[in-house]
PDB file of N, CA and C in Angstrom:
ATOM      1  N   UNK A   1     -45.401  97.929 -52.272  1.00  0.00           N
ATOM      2  CA  UNK A   1     -44.175  98.486 -52.836  1.00  0.00           C
ATOM      3  C   UNK A   1     -43.072  98.500 -51.777  1.00  0.00           C
ATOM      4  N   UNK A   2     -41.865  98.398 -52.246  1.00  0.00           N
ATOM      5  CA  UNK A   2     -40.708  98.424 -51.367  1.00  0.00           C
ATOM      6  C   UNK A   2     -40.243  99.867 -51.182  1.00  0.00           C
ATOM      7  N   UNK A   3     -39.511 100.104 -50.090  1.00  0.00           N
ATOM      8  CA  UNK A   3     -38.959 101.410 -49.817  1.00  0.00           C
ATOM      9  C   UNK A   3     -37.463 101.391 -50.076  1.00  0.00           C
ATOM     10  N   UNK A   4     -36.953 102.494 -50.628  1.00  0.00           N
ATOM     11  CA  UNK A   4     -35.543 102.614 -50.964  1.00  0.00           C
ATOM     12  C   UNK A   4     -34.965 103.918 -50.457  1.00  0.00           C
ATOM     13  N   UNK A   5     -33.776 103.827 -49.865  1.00  0.00           N
ATOM     14  CA  UNK A   5     -33.036 105.000 -49.441  1.00  0.00           C
ATOM     15  C   UNK A   5     -32.152 105.433 -50.593  1.00  0.00           C
ATOM     16  N   UNK A   6     -32.254 106.680 -50.984  1.00  0.00           N
ATOM     17  CA  UNK A   6     -31.408 107.240 -52.002  1.00  0.00           C
ATOM     18  C   UNK A   6     -30.463 108.230 -51.327  1.00  0.00           C
ATOM     19  N   UNK A   7     -29.164 107.963 -51.453  1.00  0.00           N
ATOM     20  CA  UNK A   7     -28.139 108.806 -50.842  1.00  0.00           C
ATOM     21  C   UNK A   7     -27.407 109.543 -51.958  1.00  0.00           C
ATOM     22  N   UNK A   8     -27.416 110.856 -51.883  1.00  0.00           N
ATOM     23  CA  UNK A   8     -26.749 111.681 -52.885  1.00  0.00           C
ATOM     24  C   UNK A   8     -25.285 111.880 -52.475  1.00  0.00           C
ATOM     25  N   UNK A   9     -24.389 111.551 -53.367  1.00  0.00           N
ATOM     26  CA  UNK A   9     -22.978 111.719 -53.082  1.00  0.00           C
ATOM     27  C   UNK A   9     -22.436 112.925 -53.822  1.00  0.00           C
ATOM     28  N   UNK A  10     -21.399 113.528 -53.215  1.00  0.00           N
ATOM     29  CA  UNK A  10     -20.787 114.732 -53.791  1.00  0.00           C
ATOM     30  C   UNK A  10     -19.277 114.568 -53.830  1.00  0.00           C
ATOM     31  N   UNK A  11     -18.653 115.341 -54.705  1.00  0.00           N
ATOM     32  CA  UNK A  11     -17.225 115.427 -54.744  1.00  0.00           C
ATOM     33  C   UNK A  11     -16.875 116.756 -54.062  1.00  0.00           C
ATOM     34  N   UNK A  12     -16.171 116.692 -52.947  1.00  0.00           N
ATOM     35  CA  UNK A  12     -15.912 117.898 -52.147  1.00  0.00           C
ATOM     36  C   UNK A  12     -15.146 118.948 -52.947  1.00  0.00           C
ATOM     37  N   UNK A  13     -14.165 118.506 -53.732  1.00  0.00           N
ATOM     38  CA  UNK A  13     -13.369 119.467 -54.518  1.00  0.00           C
ATOM     39  C   UNK A  13     -14.224 120.137 -55.609  1.00  0.00           C
ATOM     40  N   UNK A  14     -15.036 119.341 -56.291  1.00  0.00           N
ATOM     41  CA  UNK A  14     -15.910 119.885 -57.326  1.00  0.00           C
ATOM     42  C   UNK A  14     -16.942 120.846 -56.737  1.00  0.00           C
ATOM     43  N   UNK A  15     -17.444 120.514 -55.545  1.00  0.00           N
ATOM     44  CA  UNK A  15     -18.406 121.400 -54.885  1.00  0.00           C
ATOM     45  C   UNK A  15     -17.744 122.723 -54.527  1.00  0.00           C
ATOM     46  N   UNK A  16     -16.508 122.670 -54.023  1.00  0.00           N
ATOM     47  CA  UNK A  16     -15.803 123.915 -53.681  1.00  0.00           C
ATOM     48  C   UNK A  16     -15.580 124.781 -54.927  1.00  0.00           C
ATOM     49  N   UNK A  17     -15.226 124.154 -56.054  1.00  0.00           N
ATOM     50  CA  UNK A  17     -15.036 124.891 -57.288  1.00  0.00           C
ATOM     51  C   UNK A  17     -16.364 125.467 -57.765  1.00  0.00           C
ATOM     52  N   UNK A  18     -17.422 124.706 -57.651  1.00  0.00           N
ATOM     53  CA  UNK A  18     -18.757 125.187 -58.014  1.00  0.00           C
ATOM     54  C   UNK A  18     -19.125 126.431 -57.217  1.00  0.00           C
ATOM     55  N   UNK A  19     -18.855 126.382 -55.910  1.00  0.00           N
ATOM     56  CA  UNK A  19     -19.219 127.501 -55.047  1.00  0.00           C
ATOM     57  C   UNK A  19     -18.375 128.752 -55.332  1.00  0.00           C
ATOM     58  N   UNK A  20     -17.215 128.577 -55.954  1.00  0.00           N
ATOM     59  CA  UNK A  20     -16.345 129.708 -56.291  1.00  0.00           C
ATOM     60  C   UNK A  20     -16.574 130.203 -57.721  1.00  0.00           C
ATOM     61  N   UNK A  21     -17.389 129.503 -58.514  1.00  0.00           N
ATOM     62  CA  UNK A  21     -17.579 129.860 -59.907  1.00  0.00           C
ATOM     63  C   UNK A  21     -18.349 131.174 -60.032  1.00  0.00           C
ATOM     64  N   UNK A  22     -18.120 131.868 -61.144  1.00  0.00           N
ATOM     65  CA  UNK A  22     -18.738 133.180 -61.382  1.00  0.00           C
ATOM     66  C   UNK A  22     -20.257 133.085 -61.498  1.00  0.00           C
ATOM     67  N   UNK A  23     -20.742 131.967 -62.008  1.00  0.00           N
ATOM     68  CA  UNK A  23     -22.200 131.826 -62.199  1.00  0.00           C
ATOM     69  C   UNK A  23     -22.867 130.944 -61.132  1.00  0.00           C
ATOM     70  N   UNK A  24     -22.266 130.879 -59.959  1.00  0.00           N
ATOM     71  CA  UNK A  24     -22.797 130.013 -58.901  1.00  0.00           C
ATOM     72  C   UNK A  24     -24.237 130.376 -58.538  1.00  0.00           C
ATOM     73  N   UNK A  25     -24.551 131.679 -58.493  1.00  0.00           N
ATOM     74  CA  UNK A  25     -25.901 132.098 -58.112  1.00  0.00           C
ATOM     75  C   UNK A  25     -26.940 131.603 -59.131  1.00  0.00           C
ATOM     76  N   UNK A  26     -26.648 131.788 -60.401  1.00  0.00           N
ATOM     77  CA  UNK A  26     -27.579 131.386 -61.447  1.00  0.00           C
ATOM     78  C   UNK A  26     -27.709 129.861 -61.481  1.00  0.00           C
ATOM     79  N   UNK A  27     -26.587 129.162 -61.416  1.00  0.00           N
ATOM     80  CA  UNK A  27     -26.614 127.675 -61.452  1.00  0.00           C
ATOM     81  C   UNK A  27     -27.326 127.116 -60.210  1.00  0.00           C
ATOM     82  N   UNK A  28     -27.135 127.777 -59.065  1.00  0.00           N
ATOM     83  CA  UNK A  28     -27.828 127.313 -57.838  1.00  0.00           C
ATOM     84  C   UNK A  28     -29.341 127.512 -57.991  1.00  0.00           C
ATOM     85  N   UNK A  29     -29.757 128.635 -58.513  1.00  0.00           N
ATOM     86  CA  UNK A  29     -31.200 128.869 -58.709  1.00  0.00           C
ATOM     87  C   UNK A  29     -31.770 127.857 -59.685  1.00  0.00           C
ATOM     88  N   UNK A  30     -31.041 127.587 -60.794  1.00  0.00           N
ATOM     89  CA  UNK A  30     -31.518 126.600 -61.758  1.00  0.00           C
ATOM     90  C   UNK A  30     -31.584 125.220 -61.139  1.00  0.00           C
ATOM     91  N   UNK A  31     -30.568 124.875 -60.346  1.00  0.00           N
ATOM     92  CA  UNK A  31     -30.528 123.567 -59.687  1.00  0.00           C
ATOM     93  C   UNK A  31     -31.656 123.383 -58.702  1.00  0.00           C
ATOM     94  N   UNK A  32     -31.909 124.419 -57.878  1.00  0.00           N
ATOM     95  CA  UNK A  32     -32.991 124.323 -56.883  1.00  0.00           C
ATOM     96  C   UNK A  32     -34.357 124.215 -57.607  1.00  0.00           C
ATOM     97  N   UNK A  33     -34.547 124.980 -58.656  1.00  0.00           N
ATOM     98  CA  UNK A  33     -35.794 124.908 -59.422  1.00  0.00           C
ATOM     99  C   UNK A  33     -35.967 123.519 -60.029  1.00  0.00           C
ATOM    100  N   UNK A  34     -34.872 122.972 -60.587  1.00  0.00           N
ATOM    101  CA  UNK A  34     -34.944 121.636 -61.191  1.00  0.00           C
ATOM    102  C   UNK A  34     -35.205 120.570 -60.111  1.00  0.00           C
ATOM    103  N   UNK A  35     -34.610 120.751 -58.950  1.00  0.00           N
ATOM    104  CA  UNK A  35     -34.827 119.801 -57.831  1.00  0.00           C
ATOM    105  C   UNK A  35     -36.300 119.828 -57.435  1.00  0.00           C
ATOM    106  N   UNK A  36     -36.857 121.019 -57.258  1.00  0.00           N
ATOM    107  CA  UNK A  36     -38.283 121.133 -56.885  1.00  0.00           C
ATOM    108  C   UNK A  36     -39.181 120.528 -57.966  1.00  0.00           C
ATOM    109  N   UNK A  37     -38.816 120.705 -59.223  1.00  0.00           N
ATOM    110  CA  UNK A  37     -39.610 120.131 -60.318  1.00  0.00           C
ATOM    111  C   UNK A  37     -39.528 118.611 -60.254  1.00  0.00           C
ATOM    112  N   UNK A  38     -38.321 118.078 -59.988  1.00  0.00           N
ATOM    113  CA  UNK A  38     -38.159 116.627 -59.868  1.00  0.00           C
ATOM    114  C   UNK A  38     -39.022 116.105 -58.721  1.00  0.00           C
ATOM    115  N   UNK A  39     -39.013 116.789 -57.612  1.00  0.00           N
ATOM    116  CA  UNK A  39     -39.834 116.376 -56.463  1.00  0.00           C
ATOM    117  C   UNK A  39     -41.317 116.392 -56.806  1.00  0.00           C
ATOM    118  N   UNK A  40     -41.768 117.407 -57.510  1.00  0.00           N
ATOM    119  CA  UNK A  40     -43.163 117.490 -57.913  1.00  0.00           C
ATOM    120  C   UNK A  40     -43.513 116.384 -58.891  1.00  0.00           C
ATOM    121  N   UNK A  41     -42.611 116.116 -59.843  1.00  0.00           N
ATOM    122  CA  UNK A  41     -42.854 115.072 -60.836  1.00  0.00           C
ATOM    123  C   UNK A  41     -42.897 113.677 -60.195  1.00  0.00           C
ATOM    124  N   UNK A  42     -42.239 113.506 -59.086  1.00  0.00           N
ATOM    125  CA  UNK A  42     -42.128 112.177 -58.441  1.00  0.00           C
ATOM    126  C   UNK A  42     -42.844 112.143 -57.100  1.00  0.00           C
ATOM    127  N   UNK A  43     -43.734 113.077 -56.842  1.00  0.00           N
ATOM    128  CA  UNK A  43     -44.410 113.157 -55.552  1.00  0.00           C
ATOM    129  C   UNK A  43     -45.112 111.858 -55.155  1.00  0.00           C
ATOM    130  N   UNK A  44     -45.624 111.147 -56.122  1.00  0.00           N
ATOM    131  CA  UNK A  44     -46.346 109.899 -55.828  1.00  0.00           C
ATOM    132  C   UNK A  44     -45.467 108.792 -55.271  1.00  0.00           C
ATOM    133  N   UNK A  45     -44.161 108.882 -55.509  1.00  0.00           N
ATOM    134  CA  UNK A  45     -43.264 107.815 -55.026  1.00  0.00           C
ATOM    135  C   UNK A  45     -42.309 108.282 -53.932  1.00  0.00           C
ATOM    136  N   UNK A  46     -42.300 109.586 -53.599  1.00  0.00           N
ATOM    137  CA  UNK A  46     -41.439 110.069 -52.528  1.00  0.00           C
ATOM    138  C   UNK A  46     -42.132 109.836 -51.197  1.00  0.00           C
ATOM    139  N   UNK A  47     -41.500 109.008 -50.377  1.00  0.00           N
ATOM    140  CA  UNK A  47     -42.056 108.661 -49.050  1.00  0.00           C
ATOM    141  C   UNK A  47     -41.550 109.655 -47.998  1.00  0.00           C
ATOM    142  N   UNK A  48     -40.301 110.065 -48.093  1.00  0.00           N
ATOM    143  CA  UNK A  48     -39.664 111.015 -47.162  1.00  0.00           C
ATOM    144  C   UNK A  48     -38.805 111.919 -48.008  1.00  0.00           C
ATOM    145  N   UNK A  49     -39.077 113.226 -48.004  1.00  0.00           N
ATOM    146  CA  UNK A  49     -38.344 114.170 -48.847  1.00  0.00           C
ATOM    147  C   UNK A  49     -36.894 114.356 -48.402  1.00  0.00           C
ATOM    148  N   UNK A  50     -36.556 113.848 -47.244  1.00  0.00           N
ATOM    149  CA  UNK A  50     -35.152 113.916 -46.806  1.00  0.00           C
ATOM    150  C   UNK A  50     -34.636 115.335 -46.754  1.00  0.00           C
ATOM    151  N   UNK A  51     -33.395 115.518 -47.239  1.00  0.00           N
ATOM    152  CA  UNK A  51     -32.808 116.848 -47.264  1.00  0.00           C
ATOM    153  C   UNK A  51     -31.316 116.761 -47.364  1.00  0.00           C
ATOM    154  N   UNK A  52     -30.677 117.955 -47.412  1.00  0.00           N
ATOM    155  CA  UNK A  52     -29.228 118.021 -47.469  1.00  0.00           C
ATOM    156  C   UNK A  52     -28.640 117.574 -46.115  1.00  0.00           C
ATOM    157  N   UNK A  53     -27.401 117.132 -46.160  1.00  0.00           N
ATOM    158  CA  UNK A  53     -26.743 116.704 -44.925  1.00  0.00           C
ATOM    159  C   UNK A  53     -25.617 117.659 -44.561  1.00  0.00           C
ATOM    160  N   UNK A  54     -25.429 117.866 -43.256  1.00  0.00           N
ATOM    161  CA  UNK A  54     -24.399 118.780 -42.773  1.00  0.00           C
ATOM    162  C   UNK A  54     -23.109 118.020 -42.477  1.00  0.00           C
ATOM    163  N   UNK A  55     -22.233 118.670 -41.753  1.00  0.00           N
ATOM    164  CA  UNK A  55     -20.955 118.057 -41.396  1.00  0.00           C
ATOM    165  C   UNK A  55     -21.194 116.787 -40.578  1.00  0.00           C
ATOM    166  N   UNK A  56     -20.201 115.941 -40.473  1.00  0.00           N
ATOM    167  CA  UNK A  56     -20.377 114.619 -39.879  1.00  0.00           C
ATOM    168  C   UNK A  56     -19.591 114.486 -38.571  1.00  0.00           C
ATOM    169  N   UNK A  57     -20.207 113.872 -37.605  1.00  0.00           N
ATOM    170  CA  UNK A  57     -19.542 113.388 -36.409  1.00  0.00           C
ATOM    171  C   UNK A  57     -19.636 111.879 -36.421  1.00  0.00           C
ATOM    172  N   UNK A  58     -18.538 111.195 -36.198  1.00  0.00           N
ATOM    173  CA  UNK A  58     -18.506 109.754 -36.157  1.00  0.00           C
ATOM    174  C   UNK A  58     -18.449 109.295 -34.705  1.00  0.00           C
ATOM    175  N   UNK A  59     -19.309 108.367 -34.359  1.00  0.00           N
ATOM    176  CA  UNK A  59     -19.390 107.830 -33.026  1.00  0.00           C
ATOM    177  C   UNK A  59     -18.901 106.403 -33.060  1.00  0.00           C
ATOM    178  N   UNK A  60     -17.936 106.067 -32.194  1.00  0.00           N
ATOM    179  CA  UNK A  60     -17.405 104.700 -32.128  1.00  0.00           C
ATOM    180  C   UNK A  60     -17.098 104.380 -30.682  1.00  0.00           C
ATOM    181  N   UNK A  61     -16.544 103.211 -30.445  1.00  0.00           N
ATOM    182  CA  UNK A  61     -16.141 102.819 -29.104  1.00  0.00           C
ATOM    183  C   UNK A  61     -15.087 103.789 -28.541  1.00  0.00           C
ATOM    184  N   UNK A  62     -14.356 104.456 -29.433  1.00  0.00           N
ATOM    185  CA  UNK A  62     -13.318 105.399 -29.007  1.00  0.00           C
ATOM    186  C   UNK A  62     -13.903 106.777 -28.648  1.00  0.00           C
ATOM    187  N   UNK A  63     -15.187 106.999 -28.941  1.00  0.00           N
ATOM    188  CA  UNK A  63     -15.810 108.282 -28.649  1.00  0.00           C
ATOM    189  C   UNK A  63     -16.395 108.953 -29.872  1.00  0.00           C
ATOM    190  N   UNK A  64     -16.407 110.271 -29.844  1.00  0.00           N
ATOM    191  CA  UNK A  64     -16.979 111.063 -30.908  1.00  0.00           C
ATOM    192  C   UNK A  64     -15.864 111.901 -31.544  1.00  0.00           C
ATOM    193  N   UNK A  65     -15.820 111.899 -32.890  1.00  0.00           N
ATOM    194  CA  UNK A  65     -14.793 112.657 -33.599  1.00  0.00           C
ATOM    195  C   UNK A  65     -15.354 113.218 -34.901  1.00  0.00           C
ATOM    196  N   UNK A  66     -14.740 114.302 -35.364  1.00  0.00           N
ATOM    197  CA  UNK A  66     -15.108 114.832 -36.683  1.00  0.00           C
ATOM    198  C   UNK A  66     -14.784 113.803 -37.732  1.00  0.00           C
ATOM    199  N   UNK A  67     -15.555 113.775 -38.804  1.00  0.00           N
ATOM    200  CA  UNK A  67     -15.314 112.841 -39.905  1.00  0.00           C
ATOM    201  C   UNK A  67     -15.691 113.518 -41.207  1.00  0.00           C
ATOM    202  N   UNK A  68     -15.149 113.005 -42.311  1.00  0.00           N
ATOM    203  CA  UNK A  68     -15.477 113.503 -43.649  1.00  0.00           C
ATOM    204  C   UNK A  68     -15.946 112.349 -44.480  1.00  0.00           C
ATOM    205  N   UNK A  69     -16.938 112.613 -45.336  1.00  0.00           N
ATOM    206  CA  UNK A  69     -17.429 111.610 -46.278  1.00  0.00           C
ATOM    207  C   UNK A  69     -17.976 112.344 -47.481  1.00  0.00           C
ATOM    208  N   UNK A  70     -18.506 111.605 -48.408  1.00  0.00           N
ATOM    209  CA  UNK A  70     -19.030 112.228 -49.631  1.00  0.00           C
ATOM    210  C   UNK A  70     -20.568 112.249 -49.659  1.00  0.00           C
ATOM    211  N   UNK A  71     -21.190 112.178 -48.481  1.00  0.00           N
ATOM    212  CA  UNK A  71     -22.655 112.175 -48.420  1.00  0.00           C
ATOM    213  C   UNK A  71     -23.193 113.598 -48.459  1.00  0.00           C
ATOM    214  N   UNK A  72     -24.106 113.874 -49.395  1.00  0.00           N
ATOM    215  CA  UNK A  72     -24.613 115.225 -49.544  1.00  0.00           C
ATOM    216  C   UNK A  72     -26.074 115.391 -49.177  1.00  0.00           C
ATOM    217  N   UNK A  73     -26.843 114.293 -49.224  1.00  0.00           N
ATOM    218  CA  UNK A  73     -28.265 114.374 -48.917  1.00  0.00           C
ATOM    219  C   UNK A  73     -28.909 113.015 -49.078  1.00  0.00           C
ATOM    220  N   UNK A  74     -30.196 112.953 -48.765  1.00  0.00           N
ATOM    221  CA  UNK A  74     -30.928 111.694 -48.887  1.00  0.00           C
ATOM    222  C   UNK A  74     -32.388 111.942 -49.099  1.00  0.00           C
ATOM    223  N   UNK A  75     -33.079 110.929 -49.570  1.00  0.00           N
ATOM    224  CA  UNK A  75     -34.555 110.865 -49.580  1.00  0.00           C
ATOM    225  C   UNK A  75     -34.952 109.411 -49.659  1.00  0.00           C
ATOM    226  N   UNK A  76     -36.223 109.160 -49.424  1.00  0.00           N
ATOM    227  CA  UNK A  76     -36.752 107.798 -49.463  1.00  0.00           C
ATOM    228  C   UNK A  76     -37.847 107.769 -50.518  1.00  0.00           C
ATOM    229  N   UNK A  77     -37.771 106.767 -51.403  1.00  0.00           N
ATOM    230  CA  UNK A  77     -38.792 106.557 -52.421  1.00  0.00           C
ATOM    231  C   UNK A  77     -39.372 105.147 -52.310  1.00  0.00           C
ATOM    232  N   UNK A  78     -40.487 104.955 -52.966  1.00  0.00           N
ATOM    233  CA  UNK A  78     -41.063 103.600 -53.040  1.00  0.00           C
ATOM    234  C   UNK A  78     -41.099 103.194 -54.506  1.00  0.00           C
ATOM    235  N   UNK A  79     -40.843 101.909 -54.749  1.00  0.00           N
ATOM    236  CA  UNK A  79     -40.834 101.374 -56.096  1.00  0.00           C
ATOM    237  C   UNK A  79     -41.014  99.856 -56.009  1.00  0.00           C
ATOM    238  N   UNK A  80     -41.293  99.254 -57.142  1.00  0.00           N
ATOM    239  CA  UNK A  80     -41.472  97.794 -57.208  1.00  0.00           C
ATOM    240  C   UNK A  80     -40.147  97.057 -57.062  1.00  0.00           C
ATOM    241  N   UNK A  81     -39.059  97.666 -57.506  1.00  0.00           N
ATOM    242  CA  UNK A  81     -37.738  97.003 -57.471  1.00  0.00           C
ATOM    243  C   UNK A  81     -36.626  98.030 -57.281  1.00  0.00           C
ATOM    244  N   UNK A  82     -35.465  97.545 -56.953  1.00  0.00           N
ATOM    245  CA  UNK A  82     -34.312  98.447 -56.836  1.00  0.00           C
ATOM    246  C   UNK A  82     -33.973  99.073 -58.174  1.00  0.00           C
ATOM    247  N   UNK A  83     -34.077  98.300 -59.239  1.00  0.00           N
ATOM    248  CA  UNK A  83     -33.814  98.843 -60.582  1.00  0.00           C
ATOM    249  C   UNK A  83     -34.807  99.967 -60.916  1.00  0.00           C
ATOM    250  N   UNK A  84     -36.048  99.785 -60.584  1.00  0.00           N
ATOM    251  CA  UNK A  84     -37.064 100.816 -60.853  1.00  0.00           C
ATOM    252  C   UNK A  84     -36.780 102.060 -60.014  1.00  0.00           C
ATOM    253  N   UNK A  85     -36.378 101.862 -58.749  1.00  0.00           N
ATOM    254  CA  UNK A  85     -36.034 102.984 -57.902  1.00  0.00           C
ATOM    255  C   UNK A  85     -34.828 103.741 -58.445  1.00  0.00           C
ATOM    256  N   UNK A  86     -33.820 102.997 -58.871  1.00  0.00           N
ATOM    257  CA  UNK A  86     -32.637 103.644 -59.410  1.00  0.00           C
ATOM    258  C   UNK A  86     -32.938 104.436 -60.676  1.00  0.00           C
ATOM    259  N   UNK A  87     -33.826 103.935 -61.495  1.00  0.00           N
ATOM    260  CA  UNK A  87     -34.203 104.593 -62.757  1.00  0.00           C
ATOM    261  C   UNK A  87     -34.777 105.975 -62.477  1.00  0.00           C
ATOM    262  N   UNK A  88     -35.405 106.163 -61.336  1.00  0.00           N
ATOM    263  CA  UNK A  88     -35.961 107.486 -60.980  1.00  0.00           C
ATOM    264  C   UNK A  88     -34.929 108.578 -60.987  1.00  0.00           C
ATOM    265  N   UNK A  89     -33.677 108.204 -60.733  1.00  0.00           N
ATOM    266  CA  UNK A  89     -32.627 109.215 -60.535  1.00  0.00           C
ATOM    267  C   UNK A  89     -31.721 109.447 -61.739  1.00  0.00           C
ATOM    268  N   UNK A  90     -32.021 108.789 -62.850  1.00  0.00           N
ATOM    269  CA  UNK A  90     -31.250 109.041 -64.084  1.00  0.00           C
ATOM    270  C   UNK A  90     -31.405 110.507 -64.462  1.00  0.00           C
ATOM    271  N   UNK A  91     -30.296 111.193 -64.642  1.00  0.00           N
ATOM    272  CA  UNK A  91     -30.269 112.641 -64.970  1.00  0.00           C
ATOM    273  C   UNK A  91     -30.873 113.520 -63.890  1.00  0.00           C
ATOM    274  N   UNK A  92     -30.813 113.088 -62.651  1.00  0.00           N
ATOM    275  CA  UNK A  92     -31.321 113.876 -61.526  1.00  0.00           C
ATOM    276  C   UNK A  92     -30.554 115.184 -61.444  1.00  0.00           C
ATOM    277  N   UNK A  93     -31.213 116.286 -61.046  1.00  0.00           N
ATOM    278  CA  UNK A  93     -30.520 117.568 -60.979  1.00  0.00           C
ATOM    279  C   UNK A  93     -29.305 117.581 -60.030  1.00  0.00           C
ATOM    280  N   UNK A  94     -29.241 116.658 -59.095  1.00  0.00           N
ATOM    281  CA  UNK A  94     -28.109 116.676 -58.170  1.00  0.00           C
ATOM    282  C   UNK A  94     -26.781 116.489 -58.875  1.00  0.00           C
ATOM    283  N   UNK A  95     -26.781 115.800 -59.987  1.00  0.00           N
ATOM    284  CA  UNK A  95     -25.529 115.668 -60.753  1.00  0.00           C
ATOM    285  C   UNK A  95     -25.651 116.158 -62.189  1.00  0.00           C
ATOM    286  N   UNK A  96     -26.857 116.456 -62.626  1.00  0.00           N
ATOM    287  CA  UNK A  96     -27.020 117.022 -63.944  1.00  0.00           C
ATOM    288  C   UNK A  96     -26.735 118.541 -63.928  1.00  0.00           C
ATOM    289  N   UNK A  97     -26.990 119.194 -62.780  1.00  0.00           N
ATOM    290  CA  UNK A  97     -26.742 120.635 -62.652  1.00  0.00           C
ATOM    291  C   UNK A  97     -25.708 120.901 -61.563  1.00  0.00           C
ATOM    292  N   UNK A  98     -25.934 120.370 -60.405  1.00  0.00           N
ATOM    293  CA  UNK A  98     -24.979 120.518 -59.293  1.00  0.00           C
ATOM    294  C   UNK A  98     -23.804 119.572 -59.501  1.00  0.00           C
ATOM    295  N   UNK A  99     -22.688 119.792 -58.826  1.00  0.00           N
ATOM    296  CA  UNK A  99     -21.518 118.903 -58.999  1.00  0.00           C
ATOM    297  C   UNK A  99     -21.573 117.661 -58.146  1.00  0.00           C
ATOM    298  N   UNK A 100     -22.742 117.025 -58.076  1.00  0.00           N
ATOM    299  CA  UNK A 100     -22.875 115.776 -57.362  1.00  0.00           C
ATOM    300  C   UNK A 100     -22.208 114.638 -58.152  1.00  0.00           C
ATOM    301  N   UNK A 101     -21.837 113.596 -57.456  1.00  0.00           N
ATOM    302  CA  UNK A 101     -21.252 112.448 -58.139  1.00  0.00           C
ATOM    303  C   UNK A 101     -22.301 111.471 -58.614  1.00  0.00           C
ATOM    304  N   UNK A 102     -23.342 111.275 -57.812  1.00  0.00           N
ATOM    305  CA  UNK A 102     -24.367 110.325 -58.171  1.00  0.00           C
ATOM    306  C   UNK A 102     -25.362 110.103 -57.046  1.00  0.00           C
ATOM    307  N   UNK A 103     -26.141 109.077 -57.208  1.00  0.00           N
ATOM    308  CA  UNK A 103     -27.150 108.694 -56.216  1.00  0.00           C
ATOM    309  C   UNK A 103     -27.014 107.204 -55.976  1.00  0.00           C
ATOM    310  N   UNK A 104     -26.825 106.828 -54.723  1.00  0.00           N
ATOM    311  CA  UNK A 104     -26.756 105.411 -54.367  1.00  0.00           C
ATOM    312  C   UNK A 104     -28.129 104.994 -53.823  1.00  0.00           C
ATOM    313  N   UNK A 105     -28.670 103.911 -54.372  1.00  0.00           N
ATOM    314  CA  UNK A 105     -30.012 103.480 -54.043  1.00  0.00           C
ATOM    315  C   UNK A 105     -29.977 102.103 -53.405  1.00  0.00           C
ATOM    316  N   UNK A 106     -30.558 101.979 -52.210  1.00  0.00           N
ATOM    317  CA  UNK A 106     -30.580 100.693 -51.499  1.00  0.00           C
ATOM    318  C   UNK A 106     -31.923 100.474 -50.878  1.00  0.00           C
ATOM    319  N   UNK A 107     -32.336  99.226 -50.867  1.00  0.00           N
ATOM    320  CA  UNK A 107     -33.642  98.859 -50.270  1.00  0.00           C
ATOM    321  C   UNK A 107     -33.571  98.991 -48.757  1.00  0.00           C
ATOM    322  N   UNK A 108     -34.630  99.510 -48.163  1.00  0.00           N
ATOM    323  CA  UNK A 108     -34.765  99.553 -46.718  1.00  0.00           C
ATOM    324  C   UNK A 108     -35.454  98.235 -46.298  1.00  0.00           C
ATOM    325  N   UNK A 109     -34.706  97.350 -45.689  1.00  0.00           N
ATOM    326  CA  UNK A 109     -35.227  96.034 -45.350  1.00  0.00           C
ATOM    327  C   UNK A 109     -35.972  96.054 -44.027  1.00  0.00           C
ATOM    328  N   UNK A 110     -36.882  95.131 -43.824  1.00  0.00           N
ATOM    329  CA  UNK A 110     -37.595  95.084 -42.554  1.00  0.00           C
ATOM    330  C   UNK A 110     -36.672  94.672 -41.425  1.00  0.00           C
ATOM    331  N   UNK A 111     -36.946  95.138 -40.228  1.00  0.00           N
ATOM    332  CA  UNK A 111     -36.162  94.766 -39.076  1.00  0.00           C
ATOM    333  C   UNK A 111     -36.509  93.325 -38.714  1.00  0.00           C
ATOM    334  N   UNK A 112     -35.526  92.455 -38.593  1.00  0.00           N
ATOM    335  CA  UNK A 112     -35.804  91.035 -38.275  1.00  0.00           C
ATOM    336  C   UNK A 112     -36.608  90.914 -36.974  1.00  0.00           C
ATOM    337  N   UNK A 113     -37.607  90.045 -36.994  1.00  0.00           N
ATOM    338  CA  UNK A 113     -38.393  89.802 -35.787  1.00  0.00           C
ATOM    339  C   UNK A 113     -39.563  90.755 -35.619  1.00  0.00           C
ATOM    340  N   UNK A 114     -39.731  91.680 -36.520  1.00  0.00           N
ATOM    341  CA  UNK A 114     -40.844  92.623 -36.404  1.00  0.00           C
ATOM    342  C   UNK A 114     -41.957  92.213 -37.333  1.00  0.00           C
TER     343      UNK A 114
END
């Protein structure tokens, strides 16, 4: 089976509104419970449970600087194809309950020469 990196994307403005909503506590509890259920339901294909991502520092030839992006978390799954891996995330709690934008799924390719 192939390995795939799933990157959860978020909309910063929608997340801020979510965090200010009156029912944020209840929705957060429901989202976390749904996330854990998704992980249990897919335990056989989850290679690395990953996790949420914090603030970003960008490193370049110019040095290190603060950066912003829409990355919210990641995990690694195994599947026969990219389409099969992507199908795992249809209606995922990250955007079905939380204000995530979606999940980007890409194959982890072997390092050349290894």
